[in-house]
C-alpha atoms as a PDB file:
ATOM      1  CA  MET A   1     187.820  76.583 120.695  1.00  0.00           C
ATOM      2  CA  GLN A   2     190.718  76.074 118.288  1.00  0.00           C
ATOM      3  CA  ASP A   3     190.279  74.526 114.884  1.00  0.00           C
ATOM      4  CA  HIS A   4     192.275  71.370 114.304  1.00  0.00           C
ATOM      5  CA  VAL A   5     194.448  71.812 111.248  1.00  0.00           C
ATOM      6  CA  ALA A   6     196.149  68.864 109.602  1.00  0.00           C
ATOM      7  CA  LYS A   7     199.921  69.188 109.686  1.00  0.00           C
ATOM      8  CA  ILE A   8     201.383  69.175 106.179  1.00  0.00           C
ATOM      9  CA  GLU A   9     204.816  67.618 105.945  1.00  0.00           C
ATOM     10  CA  ASP A  10     207.259  69.875 104.147  1.00  0.00           C
ATOM     11  CA  PRO A  11     210.272  67.761 103.144  1.00  0.00           C
ATOM     12  CA  GLU A  12     212.371  70.844 102.374  1.00  0.00           C
ATOM     13  CA  HIS A  13     211.915  72.410 105.810  1.00  0.00           C
ATOM     14  CA  ASP A  14     214.963  71.307 107.840  1.00  0.00           C
ATOM     15  CA  GLU A  15     214.378  73.400 110.972  1.00  0.00           C
ATOM     16  CA  ARG A  16     212.266  70.645 112.533  1.00  0.00           C
ATOM     17  CA  ARG A  17     215.036  68.094 112.188  1.00  0.00           C
ATOM     18  CA  ARG A  18     216.459  66.856 115.473  1.00  0.00           C
ATOM     19  CA  GLU A  19     219.616  65.582 113.857  1.00  0.00           C
ATOM     20  CA  ARG A  20     221.936  67.102 111.314  1.00  0.00           C
ATOM     21  CA  ARG A  21     221.512  65.802 107.769  1.00  0.00           C
ATOM     22  CA  ARG A  22     224.486  65.065 105.560  1.00  0.00           C
ATOM     23  CA  THR A  23     224.323  65.439 101.809  1.00  0.00           C
ATOM     24  CA  VAL A  24     225.241  62.195 100.059  1.00  0.00           C
ATOM     25  CA  PHE A  25     224.617  60.551  96.729  1.00  0.00           C
ATOM     26  CA  LEU A  26     224.379  56.786  97.115  1.00  0.00           C
ATOM     27  CA  GLN A  27     222.672  54.237  94.906  1.00  0.00           C
ATOM     28  CA  ALA A  28     220.370  51.832  96.731  1.00  0.00           C
ATOM     29  CA  ASP A  29     217.783  49.141  96.170  1.00  0.00           C
ATOM     30  CA  VAL A  30     214.363  49.266  97.809  1.00  0.00           C
ATOM     31  CA  CYS A  31     212.993  45.857  98.811  1.00  0.00           C
ATOM     32  CA  THR A  32     210.003  44.590 100.753  1.00  0.00           C
ATOM     33  CA  LEU A  33     210.612  43.276 104.268  1.00  0.00           C
ATOM     34  CA  ASP A  34     210.791  39.739 102.837  1.00  0.00           C
ATOM     35  CA  GLY A  35     213.507  40.796 100.358  1.00  0.00           C
ATOM     36  CA  THR A  36     211.486  41.185  97.162  1.00  0.00           C
ATOM     37  CA  PRO A  37     213.127  43.915  95.007  1.00  0.00           C
ATOM     38  CA  ILE A  38     210.836  46.885  94.243  1.00  0.00           C
ATOM     39  CA  VAL A  39     212.816  49.762  92.686  1.00  0.00           C
ATOM     40  CA  ASN A  40     216.237  51.355  92.523  1.00  0.00           C
ATOM     41  CA  CYS A  41     216.740  54.753  94.133  1.00  0.00           C
ATOM     42  CA  ALA A  42     219.308  57.356  95.084  1.00  0.00           C
ATOM     43  CA  ILE A  43     219.839  58.446  98.663  1.00  0.00           C
ATOM     44  CA  GLN A  44     220.186  62.239  98.641  1.00  0.00           C
ATOM     45  CA  ASP A  45     220.761  62.979 102.319  1.00  0.00           C
ATOM     46  CA  THR A  46     220.978  61.010 105.521  1.00  0.00           C
ATOM     47  CA  SER A  47     221.149  61.273 109.293  1.00  0.00           C
ATOM     48  CA  ARG A  48     221.243  58.731 112.098  1.00  0.00           C
ATOM     49  CA  SER A  49     217.437  58.577 112.095  1.00  0.00           C
ATOM     50  CA  GLY A  50     216.571  58.549 108.388  1.00  0.00           C
ATOM     51  CA  CYS A  51     217.200  59.595 104.827  1.00  0.00           C
ATOM     52  CA  LYS A  52     215.652  61.148 101.755  1.00  0.00           C
ATOM     53  CA  ILE A  53     215.422  58.917  98.720  1.00  0.00           C
ATOM     54  CA  MET A  54     214.904  59.960  95.118  1.00  0.00           C
ATOM     55  CA  CYS A  55     212.953  57.641  92.844  1.00  0.00           C
ATOM     56  CA  GLU A  56     210.647  58.065  89.854  1.00  0.00           C
ATOM     57  CA  GLN A  57     208.409  55.203  91.041  1.00  0.00           C
ATOM     58  CA  VAL A  58     207.692  56.436  94.590  1.00  0.00           C
ATOM     59  CA  SER A  59     204.137  55.106  94.361  1.00  0.00           C
ATOM     60  CA  LEU A  60     205.493  51.526  94.125  1.00  0.00           C
ATOM     61  CA  ILE A  61     207.336  51.753  97.454  1.00  0.00           C
ATOM     62  CA  PRO A  62     205.515  50.108 100.380  1.00  0.00           C
ATOM     63  CA  ASP A  63     205.279  51.817 103.789  1.00  0.00           C
ATOM     64  CA  GLU A  64     207.934  49.559 105.367  1.00  0.00           C
ATOM     65  CA  ILE A  65     211.047  48.728 103.373  1.00  0.00           C
ATOM     66  CA  VAL A  66     214.559  47.378 103.389  1.00  0.00           C
ATOM     67  CA  LEU A  67     217.001  49.850 101.869  1.00  0.00           C
ATOM     68  CA  SER A  68     220.178  48.137 100.591  1.00  0.00           C
ATOM     69  CA  ILE A  69     223.043  50.479  99.770  1.00  0.00           C
ATOM     70  CA  ARG A  70     224.970  49.318  96.722  1.00  0.00           C
ATOM     71  CA  GLY A  71     228.680  48.742  97.123  1.00  0.00           C
ATOM     72  CA  LEU A  72     228.593  49.040 100.919  1.00  0.00           C
ATOM     73  CA  GLY A  73     226.890  45.783 101.819  1.00  0.00           C
ATOM     74  CA  GLU A  74     224.675  47.699 104.274  1.00  0.00           C
ATOM     75  CA  SER A  75     220.923  47.318 104.635  1.00  0.00           C
ATOM     76  CA  PHE A  76     218.486  49.291 106.751  1.00  0.00           C
ATOM     77  CA  VAL A  77     214.879  48.668 107.666  1.00  0.00           C
ATOM     78  CA  GLY A  78     212.801  51.818 107.315  1.00  0.00           C
ATOM     79  CA  ARG A  79     209.334  53.315 107.269  1.00  0.00           C
ATOM     80  CA  VAL A  80     208.247  55.821 104.628  1.00  0.00           C
ATOM     81  CA  MET A  81     207.168  58.939 106.538  1.00  0.00           C
ATOM     82  CA  TRP A  82     206.269  61.173 103.591  1.00  0.00           C
ATOM     83  CA  ARG A  83     206.100  61.027  99.813  1.00  0.00           C
ATOM     84  CA  ALA A  84     206.371  63.738  97.183  1.00  0.00           C
ATOM     85  CA  GLU A  85     206.768  63.578  93.432  1.00  0.00           C
ATOM     86  CA  GLY A  86     210.066  61.792  92.852  1.00  0.00           C
ATOM     87  CA  SER A  87     211.136  61.551  96.490  1.00  0.00           C
ATOM     88  CA  ALA A  88     210.298  60.082  99.887  1.00  0.00           C
ATOM     89  CA  GLY A  89     211.458  60.447 103.478  1.00  0.00           C
ATOM     90  CA  VAL A  90     212.450  57.252 105.270  1.00  0.00           C
ATOM     91  CA  ALA A  91     212.818  56.842 109.050  1.00  0.00           C
ATOM     92  CA  PHE A  92     215.243  54.074 110.002  1.00  0.00           C
ATOM     93  CA  LEU A  93     213.745  51.412 112.255  1.00  0.00           C
ATOM     94  CA  ASN A  94     217.063  49.744 113.075  1.00  0.00           C
ATOM     95  CA  GLY A  95     220.079  51.483 114.585  1.00  0.00           C
ATOM     96  CA  VAL A  96     222.488  53.430 112.382  1.00  0.00           C
ATOM     97  CA  ALA A  97     225.987  54.319 113.519  1.00  0.00           C
ATOM     98  CA  GLU A  98     227.604  57.539 112.309  1.00  0.00           C
END
């Protein structure tokens, strides 16, 4: 009988990624689903399915968010998949075109 071991998410381990990530540096605002502003963040990398955000107040970010990219007029609905000190991984819930 095999022991069940909890899978630990390693945000730096890119081999599991299904899609190629692109390094970016974009400023964005994190809001609740009803549009209430939470914190400002920086998007460090992105793919069609998600992104990594950098933010000192990661603990304030709810599980489901709207990520509004400054200067582009683009907003994405996302779910926080993992959190680490100063960063979080967000899976997009709405479609993203490359």
